[in-house]
Amino acid sequence: LPRVDPALRDTTARDFATLEGGWRRALVRSGRSRVIAKVFSLGARLPAFQQAFPDARVVYTLRDPRELLPSAMSLVTGTLDRAFGFWDRPEALKARTLERLYRALLRLLNDFAADWSAGRIDREGVLLLPYERLVGDFAGSMEAVLAFWGEGADPALQAAIDGTAAAQLRRRSEHRYDLAAFGLDEARVLADTAPYRALWVDAGAKVPGE
């Protein structure tokens, strides 16, 4: 973690400058006045991000960590496998890599929860959106997001939202997340993510089996 821990190696200024440069170029090319960006790594640095971009409106999606963590680990290891044959590597190397990846992802979740609980995040600029709501009520979720942004939906956008909402109702995910495949078990994940999970529940998530 020393290479990526902001407390030990802070590259925030460089990273934010890179983001801002890309966003400005996108605005010039598109002729628009707003950028919508999907950024995965802000969880542990949201207070600093809000200081750098005080006008930003952040939609933060919360998800059951028993699904979120193996999903994220699957994406990373899938890339590593295609590039380096990760799953054919020695067991000790795979175990060490998975453990480090798990702890890094855990920091993103729990650091956000800690900053939120301690009041270091400007809550007026953040909308907490449970993943389960996004999947189960896409139209309602988009209505909440647009209201949060202070925007309305023109006919074309509303048609796109309605079409996606209808398709979402018919969709059945084929993903089955296996914690054991990544050296994890449910008891550990629940214990390690307790701060984040409490925030997820407080945001209105329906917890399976509870």
Foldseek 3Di string as FASTA:
>chain_A
DLVPPCVNPNPPVVVVVVVVVVVVVVCVVVVDDDDDDDDDQCLLPQLVVCVVPVPAAAEAEAEDLLPVQLVVVCVVVVVVCVVPVLVPDDPVVLLVVLVVSSVVVLSSQVSNLVCVVVVSHDVLRYHYHYPVCCLQPVLVVVVVVCVSVVHDADPVRNVVSVVVNVVSVVDDDPDDGDQVVSVDDPVVSCVSNVSNVVVSVVSPDDDPPD
